[in-house]
Amino acid sequence: MARPRKFKEQDVLVSVYRRFNETGFHGTSVDDLSTATGLSKGSLYGAFGDKEALFERVFDAYCTTAERSVADLLEGPETLALDRLRTWLQPSQDDTDRLGCLLAKGTAELAWENDTIVTRSLAAFESLIDSCRQVVEQAQRAGRLDPAADAELLGGLIVSTHRGLEALAKAGVSVEMRNRIADAAIDSLPVPVA
């Protein structure tokens, strides 16, 4: 009979996520993961599989959380759809986390070698774009954006802007400057012609 686990799986996954996000997949050894979680290599392998399987698991969880977060933009009155997009692009004043986005990092590091990461990354970005497209369509129905504009293209532009702003944050660009860029992005969307 197997011994009961003496750790909380979610706590381990949070520690693993943090370590991978700090040092990347290739920059993280199994010893590093063992140290971060307090588990032996055998316990890690027994519970979660190899390092690649563990990364894929936390990457998938991160993508799922990001998708849900952006899907929340759909909630609210259509007349405030642009305001919700603006808020999503703007960092909070206490935004000091310079670790960045595991979706962006994992994609950049592993897309050329890991088909699971490529597939999950593509699905995540398509989901983010689709959520933003739906919010753009809300703004169009509310008369705040040009109804003839390509909502999917604008959704992609908004997601690309968000990803770029995250990169700027990691480089240390001020919150004030990033807010101005976010405002410019939203303010440059096509408005209805009078």
N, C-alpha and C. Protein backbone atom coordinates (compact mmCIF):
# COMPACT_ATOMS: atom_id res chain seq x y z
N MET A 1 0.83 -1.18 0.00
CA MET A 1 0.00 0.00 0.00
C MET A 1 0.88 1.25 0.00
N ALA A 2 0.57 2.20 -0.86
CA ALA A 2 1.37 3.42 -0.98
C ALA A 2 1.19 4.29 0.26
N ARG A 3 2.28 4.95 0.65
CA ARG A 3 2.21 5.87 1.79
C ARG A 3 1.47 7.14 1.37
N PRO A 4 0.72 7.72 2.29
CA PRO A 4 0.05 8.98 1.95
C PRO A 4 1.05 10.11 1.76
N ARG A 5 0.72 11.01 0.88
CA ARG A 5 1.60 12.15 0.61
C ARG A 5 1.64 13.06 1.82
N LYS A 6 2.81 13.63 2.06
CA LYS A 6 2.97 14.54 3.19
C LYS A 6 3.14 15.97 2.71
N PHE A 7 2.59 16.26 1.55
CA PHE A 7 2.67 17.62 1.01
C PHE A 7 1.37 17.95 0.31
N LYS A 8 1.12 19.25 0.20
CA LYS A 8 -0.05 19.70 -0.55
C LYS A 8 0.38 19.95 -1.98
N GLU A 9 -0.28 19.27 -2.89
CA GLU A 9 0.09 19.35 -4.30
C GLU A 9 0.09 20.79 -4.81
N GLN A 10 -0.92 21.57 -4.44
CA GLN A 10 -1.01 22.95 -4.93
C GLN A 10 0.17 23.78 -4.43
N ASP A 11 0.60 23.57 -3.19
CA ASP A 11 1.76 24.30 -2.67
C ASP A 11 3.02 23.99 -3.46
N VAL A 12 3.17 22.72 -3.81
CA VAL A 12 4.33 22.30 -4.60
C VAL A 12 4.28 22.96 -5.97
N LEU A 13 3.12 22.95 -6.60
CA LEU A 13 2.99 23.53 -7.94
C LEU A 13 3.25 25.03 -7.93
N VAL A 14 2.85 25.72 -6.87
CA VAL A 14 3.13 27.15 -6.77
C VAL A 14 4.64 27.39 -6.68
N SER A 15 5.32 26.58 -5.88
CA SER A 15 6.78 26.72 -5.75
C SER A 15 7.48 26.41 -7.07
N VAL A 16 7.00 25.38 -7.75
CA VAL A 16 7.58 25.00 -9.05
C VAL A 16 7.34 26.10 -10.08
N TYR A 17 6.12 26.64 -10.11
CA TYR A 17 5.82 27.74 -11.03
C TYR A 17 6.77 28.91 -10.79
N ARG A 18 6.92 29.28 -9.55
CA ARG A 18 7.78 30.43 -9.21
C ARG A 18 9.21 30.18 -9.69
N ARG A 19 9.71 28.99 -9.45
CA ARG A 19 11.09 28.68 -9.85
C ARG A 19 11.24 28.71 -11.37
N PHE A 20 10.33 28.07 -12.08
CA PHE A 20 10.40 28.09 -13.55
C PHE A 20 10.28 29.52 -14.08
N ASN A 21 9.42 30.32 -13.46
CA ASN A 21 9.24 31.68 -13.94
C ASN A 21 10.48 32.53 -13.67
N GLU A 22 11.20 32.22 -12.61
CA GLU A 22 12.43 32.97 -12.30
C GLU A 22 13.59 32.59 -13.21
N THR A 23 13.75 31.30 -13.49
CA THR A 23 14.96 30.85 -14.19
C THR A 23 14.70 30.13 -15.51
N GLY A 24 13.45 29.99 -15.91
CA GLY A 24 13.14 29.33 -17.17
C GLY A 24 13.24 27.82 -17.08
N PHE A 25 12.81 27.16 -18.13
CA PHE A 25 12.86 25.70 -18.14
C PHE A 25 14.30 25.21 -18.15
N HIS A 26 15.09 25.70 -19.09
CA HIS A 26 16.46 25.21 -19.22
C HIS A 26 17.35 25.67 -18.07
N GLY A 27 17.04 26.79 -17.46
CA GLY A 27 17.84 27.30 -16.36
C GLY A 27 17.49 26.71 -15.01
N THR A 28 16.53 25.80 -14.99
CA THR A 28 16.08 25.18 -13.75
C THR A 28 16.42 23.70 -13.77
N SER A 29 17.16 23.26 -12.78
CA SER A 29 17.50 21.84 -12.67
C SER A 29 16.49 21.15 -11.76
N VAL A 30 16.51 19.83 -11.78
CA VAL A 30 15.66 19.08 -10.88
C VAL A 30 16.09 19.34 -9.44
N ASP A 31 17.39 19.53 -9.22
CA ASP A 31 17.87 19.90 -7.88
C ASP A 31 17.25 21.23 -7.44
N ASP A 32 17.16 22.20 -8.36
CA ASP A 32 16.54 23.48 -8.04
C ASP A 32 15.08 23.29 -7.62
N LEU A 33 14.37 22.44 -8.36
CA LEU A 33 12.97 22.18 -8.04
C LEU A 33 12.83 21.47 -6.70
N SER A 34 13.75 20.57 -6.43
CA SER A 34 13.75 19.86 -5.16
C SER A 34 13.96 20.83 -4.00
N THR A 35 14.90 21.74 -4.18
CA THR A 35 15.16 22.75 -3.16
C THR A 35 13.96 23.67 -2.98
N ALA A 36 13.37 24.10 -4.08
CA ALA A 36 12.24 25.03 -4.02
C ALA A 36 11.02 24.42 -3.34
N THR A 37 10.83 23.12 -3.52
CA THR A 37 9.63 22.46 -3.00
C THR A 37 9.87 21.75 -1.67
N GLY A 38 11.13 21.48 -1.37
CA GLY A 38 11.43 20.70 -0.17
C GLY A 38 11.21 19.22 -0.36
N LEU A 39 10.98 18.78 -1.59
CA LEU A 39 10.76 17.37 -1.89
C LEU A 39 12.01 16.76 -2.52
N SER A 40 12.21 15.50 -2.29
CA SER A 40 13.32 14.80 -2.95
C SER A 40 13.01 14.64 -4.43
N LYS A 41 14.05 14.36 -5.20
CA LYS A 41 13.84 14.13 -6.63
C LYS A 41 12.87 12.98 -6.85
N GLY A 42 13.02 11.92 -6.06
CA GLY A 42 12.14 10.76 -6.19
C GLY A 42 10.69 11.10 -5.93
N SER A 43 10.46 11.94 -4.92
CA SER A 43 9.07 12.35 -4.61
C SER A 43 8.50 13.20 -5.73
N LEU A 44 9.33 14.11 -6.28
CA LEU A 44 8.87 14.94 -7.40
C LEU A 44 8.52 14.08 -8.60
N TYR A 45 9.43 13.17 -8.97
CA TYR A 45 9.18 12.31 -10.13
C TYR A 45 7.97 11.42 -9.89
N GLY A 46 7.88 10.87 -8.67
CA GLY A 46 6.77 9.97 -8.36
C GLY A 46 5.41 10.66 -8.43
N ALA A 47 5.37 11.91 -7.99
CA ALA A 47 4.10 12.63 -7.93
C ALA A 47 3.76 13.35 -9.23
N PHE A 48 4.78 13.84 -9.94
CA PHE A 48 4.50 14.73 -11.06
C PHE A 48 5.14 14.32 -12.39
N GLY A 49 5.97 13.31 -12.39
CA GLY A 49 6.67 12.94 -13.61
C GLY A 49 7.99 13.70 -13.73
N ASP A 50 8.55 13.73 -14.91
CA ASP A 50 9.85 14.38 -15.09
C ASP A 50 9.71 15.90 -15.15
N LYS A 51 10.85 16.56 -15.28
CA LYS A 51 10.87 18.03 -15.29
C LYS A 51 10.00 18.60 -16.40
N GLU A 52 10.04 18.00 -17.57
CA GLU A 52 9.23 18.49 -18.69
C GLU A 52 7.74 18.38 -18.39
N ALA A 53 7.33 17.25 -17.82
CA ALA A 53 5.91 17.07 -17.48
C ALA A 53 5.48 18.08 -16.42
N LEU A 54 6.37 18.35 -15.48
CA LEU A 54 6.07 19.32 -14.43
C LEU A 54 5.93 20.73 -15.01
N PHE A 55 6.83 21.08 -15.92
CA PHE A 55 6.72 22.40 -16.56
C PHE A 55 5.43 22.49 -17.36
N GLU A 56 5.13 21.46 -18.13
CA GLU A 56 3.91 21.48 -18.94
C GLU A 56 2.67 21.64 -18.06
N ARG A 57 2.70 21.04 -16.89
CA ARG A 57 1.55 21.15 -15.99
C ARG A 57 1.39 22.57 -15.47
N VAL A 58 2.47 23.19 -14.99
CA VAL A 58 2.33 24.55 -14.47
C VAL A 58 2.08 25.54 -15.61
N PHE A 59 2.62 25.27 -16.79
CA PHE A 59 2.37 26.13 -17.94
C PHE A 59 0.90 26.10 -18.32
N ASP A 60 0.33 24.90 -18.35
CA ASP A 60 -1.09 24.75 -18.66
C ASP A 60 -1.95 25.48 -17.63
N ALA A 61 -1.62 25.32 -16.36
CA ALA A 61 -2.39 25.99 -15.30
C ALA A 61 -2.28 27.50 -15.43
N TYR A 62 -1.10 27.99 -15.76
CA TYR A 62 -0.91 29.43 -15.94
C TYR A 62 -1.76 29.94 -17.11
N CYS A 63 -1.73 29.20 -18.21
CA CYS A 63 -2.52 29.59 -19.39
C CYS A 63 -4.01 29.62 -19.07
N THR A 64 -4.47 28.61 -18.35
CA THR A 64 -5.88 28.54 -17.98
C THR A 64 -6.27 29.74 -17.13
N THR A 65 -5.43 30.12 -16.18
CA THR A 65 -5.70 31.28 -15.34
C THR A 65 -5.72 32.55 -16.17
N ALA A 66 -4.78 32.69 -17.10
CA ALA A 66 -4.74 33.88 -17.97
C ALA A 66 -6.00 33.96 -18.83
N GLU A 67 -6.42 32.84 -19.37
CA GLU A 67 -7.63 32.81 -20.20
C GLU A 67 -8.86 33.23 -19.40
N ARG A 68 -8.97 32.71 -18.18
CA ARG A 68 -10.12 33.08 -17.33
C ARG A 68 -10.09 34.56 -16.99
N SER A 69 -8.91 35.05 -16.69
CA SER A 69 -8.76 36.46 -16.32
C SER A 69 -9.24 37.38 -17.45
N VAL A 70 -8.83 37.06 -18.66
CA VAL A 70 -9.21 37.90 -19.79
C VAL A 70 -10.68 37.68 -20.14
N ALA A 71 -11.17 36.48 -19.98
CA ALA A 71 -12.60 36.23 -20.23
C ALA A 71 -13.47 37.05 -19.29
N ASP A 72 -12.95 37.37 -18.11
CA ASP A 72 -13.70 38.21 -17.16
C ASP A 72 -13.96 39.60 -17.73
N LEU A 73 -13.17 40.02 -18.73
CA LEU A 73 -13.41 41.32 -19.36
C LEU A 73 -14.79 41.40 -20.01
N LEU A 74 -15.35 40.24 -20.32
CA LEU A 74 -16.66 40.22 -20.96
C LEU A 74 -17.78 40.62 -20.01
N GLU A 75 -17.51 40.53 -18.73
CA GLU A 75 -18.54 40.82 -17.74
C GLU A 75 -18.69 42.32 -17.54
N GLY A 76 -19.89 42.79 -17.70
CA GLY A 76 -20.16 44.20 -17.48
C GLY A 76 -20.97 44.78 -18.62
N PRO A 77 -21.45 45.99 -18.43
CA PRO A 77 -22.27 46.62 -19.47
C PRO A 77 -21.46 46.92 -20.72
N GLU A 78 -22.11 46.77 -21.86
CA GLU A 78 -21.44 47.03 -23.14
C GLU A 78 -20.93 48.46 -23.23
N THR A 79 -21.62 49.40 -22.60
CA THR A 79 -21.19 50.80 -22.67
C THR A 79 -19.85 51.02 -21.99
N LEU A 80 -19.43 50.09 -21.14
CA LEU A 80 -18.15 50.22 -20.43
C LEU A 80 -17.09 49.25 -20.94
N ALA A 81 -17.33 48.64 -22.10
CA ALA A 81 -16.39 47.65 -22.63
C ALA A 81 -15.00 48.23 -22.85
N LEU A 82 -14.92 49.42 -23.43
CA LEU A 82 -13.60 50.04 -23.66
C LEU A 82 -12.90 50.35 -22.34
N ASP A 83 -13.65 50.73 -21.35
CA ASP A 83 -13.07 51.01 -20.03
C ASP A 83 -12.46 49.74 -19.44
N ARG A 84 -13.12 48.61 -19.64
CA ARG A 84 -12.58 47.34 -19.13
C ARG A 84 -11.29 46.98 -19.86
N LEU A 85 -11.25 47.21 -21.17
CA LEU A 85 -10.01 46.95 -21.92
C LEU A 85 -8.88 47.86 -21.43
N ARG A 86 -9.20 49.11 -21.22
CA ARG A 86 -8.20 50.07 -20.74
C ARG A 86 -7.64 49.62 -19.38
N THR A 87 -8.55 49.23 -18.50
CA THR A 87 -8.13 48.77 -17.17
C THR A 87 -7.24 47.54 -17.27
N TRP A 88 -7.55 46.63 -18.19
CA TRP A 88 -6.74 45.43 -18.36
C TRP A 88 -5.33 45.79 -18.83
N LEU A 89 -5.22 46.78 -19.68
CA LEU A 89 -3.90 47.18 -20.19
C LEU A 89 -3.09 47.96 -19.16
N GLN A 90 -3.76 48.68 -18.29
CA GLN A 90 -3.04 49.56 -17.35
C GLN A 90 -2.60 48.79 -16.11
N PRO A 91 -1.33 48.92 -15.76
CA PRO A 91 -0.85 48.27 -14.52
C PRO A 91 -1.31 49.06 -13.31
N SER A 92 -1.37 48.37 -12.19
CA SER A 92 -1.70 49.09 -10.96
C SER A 92 -0.47 49.87 -10.50
N GLN A 93 -0.68 50.84 -9.65
CA GLN A 93 0.42 51.68 -9.18
C GLN A 93 1.42 50.90 -8.34
N ASP A 94 1.00 49.81 -7.71
CA ASP A 94 1.92 49.02 -6.90
C ASP A 94 2.48 47.81 -7.66
N ASP A 95 2.45 47.88 -8.97
CA ASP A 95 2.94 46.80 -9.82
C ASP A 95 4.47 46.76 -9.77
N THR A 96 4.99 45.84 -8.96
CA THR A 96 6.46 45.74 -8.82
C THR A 96 6.99 44.37 -9.24
N ASP A 97 6.11 43.47 -9.66
CA ASP A 97 6.54 42.13 -10.06
C ASP A 97 7.19 42.20 -11.43
N ARG A 98 8.50 41.96 -11.47
CA ARG A 98 9.20 42.03 -12.73
C ARG A 98 9.50 40.64 -13.30
N LEU A 99 8.85 39.63 -12.74
CA LEU A 99 9.06 38.28 -13.28
C LEU A 99 8.50 38.14 -14.68
N GLY A 100 7.39 38.77 -14.94
CA GLY A 100 6.80 38.67 -16.27
C GLY A 100 5.86 37.49 -16.38
N CYS A 101 5.53 37.18 -17.59
CA CYS A 101 4.48 36.23 -17.93
C CYS A 101 5.06 34.88 -18.33
N LEU A 102 4.64 33.82 -17.65
CA LEU A 102 5.13 32.48 -17.98
C LEU A 102 4.68 32.05 -19.37
N LEU A 103 3.52 32.50 -19.81
CA LEU A 103 3.06 32.17 -21.16
C LEU A 103 4.04 32.71 -22.20
N ALA A 104 4.41 33.97 -22.05
CA ALA A 104 5.36 34.57 -23.00
C ALA A 104 6.73 33.94 -22.89
N LYS A 105 7.20 33.75 -21.66
CA LYS A 105 8.53 33.19 -21.45
C LYS A 105 8.62 31.74 -21.94
N GLY A 106 7.64 30.93 -21.56
CA GLY A 106 7.66 29.53 -21.95
C GLY A 106 7.58 29.36 -23.46
N THR A 107 6.76 30.19 -24.09
CA THR A 107 6.63 30.14 -25.54
C THR A 107 7.96 30.51 -26.21
N ALA A 108 8.56 31.60 -25.74
CA ALA A 108 9.82 32.04 -26.34
C ALA A 108 10.93 31.01 -26.15
N GLU A 109 10.96 30.38 -25.00
CA GLU A 109 12.05 29.44 -24.71
C GLU A 109 11.86 28.08 -25.35
N LEU A 110 10.62 27.59 -25.42
CA LEU A 110 10.41 26.19 -25.76
C LEU A 110 9.65 25.93 -27.06
N ALA A 111 9.14 26.95 -27.72
CA ALA A 111 8.32 26.72 -28.91
C ALA A 111 9.05 25.94 -29.99
N TRP A 112 10.32 26.12 -30.09
CA TRP A 112 11.08 25.44 -31.15
C TRP A 112 11.33 23.97 -30.85
N GLU A 113 11.08 23.51 -29.60
CA GLU A 113 11.44 22.14 -29.25
C GLU A 113 10.35 21.32 -28.58
N ASN A 114 9.24 21.96 -28.18
CA ASN A 114 8.24 21.24 -27.41
C ASN A 114 6.86 21.48 -28.02
N ASP A 115 6.35 20.47 -28.70
CA ASP A 115 5.06 20.59 -29.38
C ASP A 115 3.90 20.81 -28.41
N THR A 116 3.99 20.26 -27.22
CA THR A 116 2.93 20.46 -26.23
C THR A 116 2.84 21.93 -25.84
N ILE A 117 3.99 22.56 -25.65
CA ILE A 117 4.02 23.99 -25.30
C ILE A 117 3.50 24.82 -26.47
N VAL A 118 3.90 24.50 -27.68
CA VAL A 118 3.43 25.23 -28.86
C VAL A 118 1.91 25.16 -28.96
N THR A 119 1.37 23.96 -28.82
CA THR A 119 -0.07 23.76 -28.94
C THR A 119 -0.82 24.52 -27.86
N ARG A 120 -0.33 24.41 -26.62
CA ARG A 120 -1.02 25.09 -25.50
C ARG A 120 -0.89 26.60 -25.61
N SER A 121 0.27 27.05 -26.01
CA SER A 121 0.51 28.49 -26.18
C SER A 121 -0.42 29.06 -27.25
N LEU A 122 -0.51 28.41 -28.38
CA LEU A 122 -1.38 28.87 -29.45
C LEU A 122 -2.83 28.93 -28.98
N ALA A 123 -3.26 27.88 -28.28
CA ALA A 123 -4.64 27.86 -27.77
C ALA A 123 -4.88 29.02 -26.80
N ALA A 124 -3.90 29.30 -25.96
CA ALA A 124 -4.04 30.40 -24.99
C ALA A 124 -4.14 31.74 -25.71
N PHE A 125 -3.24 31.98 -26.65
CA PHE A 125 -3.28 33.26 -27.36
C PHE A 125 -4.56 33.41 -28.17
N GLU A 126 -5.02 32.33 -28.80
CA GLU A 126 -6.28 32.39 -29.54
C GLU A 126 -7.45 32.71 -28.60
N SER A 127 -7.43 32.13 -27.40
CA SER A 127 -8.48 32.40 -26.42
C SER A 127 -8.44 33.86 -25.97
N LEU A 128 -7.24 34.38 -25.71
CA LEU A 128 -7.10 35.78 -25.29
C LEU A 128 -7.60 36.73 -26.38
N ILE A 129 -7.21 36.45 -27.61
CA ILE A 129 -7.66 37.28 -28.73
C ILE A 129 -9.17 37.21 -28.88
N ASP A 130 -9.73 36.02 -28.74
CA ASP A 130 -11.18 35.87 -28.89
C ASP A 130 -11.92 36.63 -27.79
N SER A 131 -11.44 36.57 -26.56
CA SER A 131 -12.08 37.32 -25.49
C SER A 131 -12.03 38.82 -25.78
N CYS A 132 -10.86 39.30 -26.21
CA CYS A 132 -10.75 40.73 -26.53
C CYS A 132 -11.63 41.09 -27.72
N ARG A 133 -11.73 40.19 -28.71
CA ARG A 133 -12.63 40.42 -29.85
C ARG A 133 -14.05 40.62 -29.37
N GLN A 134 -14.49 39.78 -28.44
CA GLN A 134 -15.85 39.89 -27.94
C GLN A 134 -16.08 41.21 -27.20
N VAL A 135 -15.07 41.67 -26.47
CA VAL A 135 -15.22 42.95 -25.77
C VAL A 135 -15.26 44.09 -26.80
N VAL A 136 -14.45 44.00 -27.85
CA VAL A 136 -14.49 45.00 -28.91
C VAL A 136 -15.89 45.01 -29.54
N GLU A 137 -16.45 43.84 -29.78
CA GLU A 137 -17.80 43.78 -30.34
C GLU A 137 -18.83 44.41 -29.41
N GLN A 138 -18.63 44.25 -28.10
CA GLN A 138 -19.52 44.92 -27.15
C GLN A 138 -19.42 46.44 -27.33
N ALA A 139 -18.19 46.93 -27.43
CA ALA A 139 -17.98 48.37 -27.62
C ALA A 139 -18.58 48.84 -28.94
N GLN A 140 -18.52 48.00 -29.97
CA GLN A 140 -19.12 48.35 -31.25
C GLN A 140 -20.64 48.44 -31.12
N ARG A 141 -21.24 47.47 -30.46
CA ARG A 141 -22.70 47.49 -30.28
C ARG A 141 -23.14 48.69 -29.44
N ALA A 142 -22.28 49.12 -28.53
CA ALA A 142 -22.60 50.28 -27.68
C ALA A 142 -22.35 51.60 -28.39
N GLY A 143 -21.83 51.54 -29.62
CA GLY A 143 -21.57 52.77 -30.37
C GLY A 143 -20.28 53.46 -30.00
N ARG A 144 -19.40 52.78 -29.29
CA ARG A 144 -18.13 53.39 -28.86
C ARG A 144 -17.00 53.14 -29.85
N LEU A 145 -17.15 52.12 -30.69
CA LEU A 145 -16.16 51.82 -31.73
C LEU A 145 -16.86 51.65 -33.07
N ASP A 146 -16.12 51.90 -34.13
CA ASP A 146 -16.63 51.77 -35.49
C ASP A 146 -17.15 50.34 -35.72
N PRO A 147 -18.42 50.19 -36.05
CA PRO A 147 -18.97 48.85 -36.24
C PRO A 147 -18.39 48.14 -37.46
N ALA A 148 -17.79 48.89 -38.38
CA ALA A 148 -17.21 48.27 -39.57
C ALA A 148 -15.78 47.77 -39.33
N ALA A 149 -15.19 48.11 -38.19
CA ALA A 149 -13.82 47.70 -37.90
C ALA A 149 -13.75 46.19 -37.67
N ASP A 150 -12.63 45.60 -37.99
CA ASP A 150 -12.41 44.16 -37.82
C ASP A 150 -12.16 43.88 -36.34
N ALA A 151 -13.18 43.35 -35.67
CA ALA A 151 -13.10 43.13 -34.22
C ALA A 151 -12.02 42.12 -33.85
N GLU A 152 -11.84 41.10 -34.67
CA GLU A 152 -10.80 40.10 -34.37
C GLU A 152 -9.41 40.72 -34.47
N LEU A 153 -9.20 41.52 -35.50
CA LEU A 153 -7.92 42.20 -35.66
C LEU A 153 -7.66 43.14 -34.48
N LEU A 154 -8.66 43.88 -34.06
CA LEU A 154 -8.50 44.78 -32.92
C LEU A 154 -8.25 43.99 -31.63
N GLY A 155 -8.91 42.84 -31.49
CA GLY A 155 -8.64 41.98 -30.34
C GLY A 155 -7.19 41.54 -30.31
N GLY A 156 -6.67 41.17 -31.48
CA GLY A 156 -5.26 40.79 -31.57
C GLY A 156 -4.33 41.94 -31.26
N LEU A 157 -4.70 43.13 -31.71
CA LEU A 157 -3.90 44.32 -31.41
C LEU A 157 -3.85 44.59 -29.91
N ILE A 158 -4.97 44.42 -29.24
CA ILE A 158 -5.03 44.66 -27.80
C ILE A 158 -4.19 43.63 -27.05
N VAL A 159 -4.30 42.36 -27.44
CA VAL A 159 -3.47 41.33 -26.79
C VAL A 159 -1.99 41.61 -27.04
N SER A 160 -1.64 41.98 -28.26
CA SER A 160 -0.23 42.29 -28.57
C SER A 160 0.26 43.47 -27.74
N THR A 161 -0.58 44.47 -27.58
CA THR A 161 -0.22 45.62 -26.75
C THR A 161 0.00 45.19 -25.31
N HIS A 162 -0.88 44.34 -24.81
CA HIS A 162 -0.74 43.85 -23.43
C HIS A 162 0.58 43.11 -23.25
N ARG A 163 0.90 42.25 -24.21
CA ARG A 163 2.15 41.48 -24.12
C ARG A 163 3.36 42.42 -24.18
N GLY A 164 3.29 43.41 -25.03
CA GLY A 164 4.38 44.39 -25.12
C GLY A 164 4.54 45.18 -23.84
N LEU A 165 3.42 45.57 -23.24
CA LEU A 165 3.47 46.32 -21.98
C LEU A 165 4.07 45.46 -20.86
N GLU A 166 3.79 44.17 -20.88
CA GLU A 166 4.41 43.28 -19.89
C GLU A 166 5.92 43.24 -20.06
N ALA A 167 6.38 43.20 -21.30
CA ALA A 167 7.82 43.20 -21.56
C ALA A 167 8.45 44.52 -21.08
N LEU A 168 7.76 45.63 -21.33
CA LEU A 168 8.27 46.92 -20.87
C LEU A 168 8.33 46.97 -19.35
N ALA A 169 7.35 46.37 -18.69
CA ALA A 169 7.35 46.33 -17.22
C ALA A 169 8.56 45.56 -16.72
N LYS A 170 8.84 44.46 -17.36
CA LYS A 170 9.98 43.64 -16.93
C LYS A 170 11.28 44.41 -17.09
N ALA A 171 11.35 45.26 -18.09
CA ALA A 171 12.56 46.06 -18.31
C ALA A 171 12.65 47.25 -17.36
N GLY A 172 11.56 47.51 -16.63
CA GLY A 172 11.59 48.60 -15.67
C GLY A 172 10.98 49.91 -16.13
N VAL A 173 10.29 49.89 -17.27
CA VAL A 173 9.61 51.11 -17.73
C VAL A 173 8.56 51.49 -16.68
N SER A 174 8.48 52.77 -16.38
CA SER A 174 7.62 53.24 -15.29
C SER A 174 6.14 52.92 -15.54
N VAL A 175 5.42 52.80 -14.44
CA VAL A 175 3.98 52.60 -14.51
C VAL A 175 3.32 53.75 -15.25
N GLU A 176 3.78 54.97 -15.00
CA GLU A 176 3.19 56.14 -15.65
C GLU A 176 3.32 56.06 -17.16
N MET A 177 4.50 55.69 -17.63
CA MET A 177 4.71 55.58 -19.09
C MET A 177 3.86 54.46 -19.67
N ARG A 178 3.79 53.34 -18.99
CA ARG A 178 2.98 52.22 -19.49
C ARG A 178 1.50 52.58 -19.50
N ASN A 179 1.05 53.34 -18.52
CA ASN A 179 -0.34 53.80 -18.53
C ASN A 179 -0.62 54.72 -19.70
N ARG A 180 0.33 55.58 -20.01
CA ARG A 180 0.16 56.48 -21.16
C ARG A 180 0.10 55.67 -22.46
N ILE A 181 0.92 54.64 -22.56
CA ILE A 181 0.89 53.78 -23.76
C ILE A 181 -0.44 53.06 -23.84
N ALA A 182 -0.93 52.54 -22.72
CA ALA A 182 -2.23 51.85 -22.70
C ALA A 182 -3.34 52.80 -23.14
N ASP A 183 -3.30 54.03 -22.62
CA ASP A 183 -4.30 55.02 -23.03
C ASP A 183 -4.23 55.30 -24.52
N ALA A 184 -3.01 55.44 -25.03
CA ALA A 184 -2.84 55.72 -26.46
C ALA A 184 -3.38 54.56 -27.30
N ALA A 185 -3.15 53.34 -26.84
CA ALA A 185 -3.64 52.17 -27.59
C ALA A 185 -5.16 52.18 -27.66
N ILE A 186 -5.81 52.39 -26.54
CA ILE A 186 -7.28 52.40 -26.53
C ILE A 186 -7.82 53.61 -27.29
N ASP A 187 -7.19 54.76 -27.10
CA ASP A 187 -7.67 55.98 -27.76
C ASP A 187 -7.48 55.95 -29.27
N SER A 188 -6.58 55.09 -29.76
CA SER A 188 -6.34 55.02 -31.21
C SER A 188 -7.27 54.03 -31.91
N LEU A 189 -8.10 53.32 -31.16
CA LEU A 189 -9.05 52.39 -31.80
C LEU A 189 -10.06 53.21 -32.61
N PRO A 190 -10.53 52.66 -33.72
CA PRO A 190 -11.43 53.43 -34.62
C PRO A 190 -12.79 53.69 -34.00
N VAL A 191 -13.14 54.95 -33.96
CA VAL A 191 -14.44 55.35 -33.42
C VAL A 191 -15.44 55.47 -34.57
N PRO A 192 -16.73 55.45 -34.24
CA PRO A 192 -17.73 55.58 -35.32
C PRO A 192 -17.60 56.93 -36.03
N VAL A 193 -17.83 56.91 -37.32
CA VAL A 193 -17.82 58.14 -38.10
C VAL A 193 -19.16 58.82 -37.92
N ALA A 194 -19.10 60.10 -37.58
CA ALA A 194 -20.36 60.84 -37.34
C ALA A 194 -21.07 61.13 -38.64
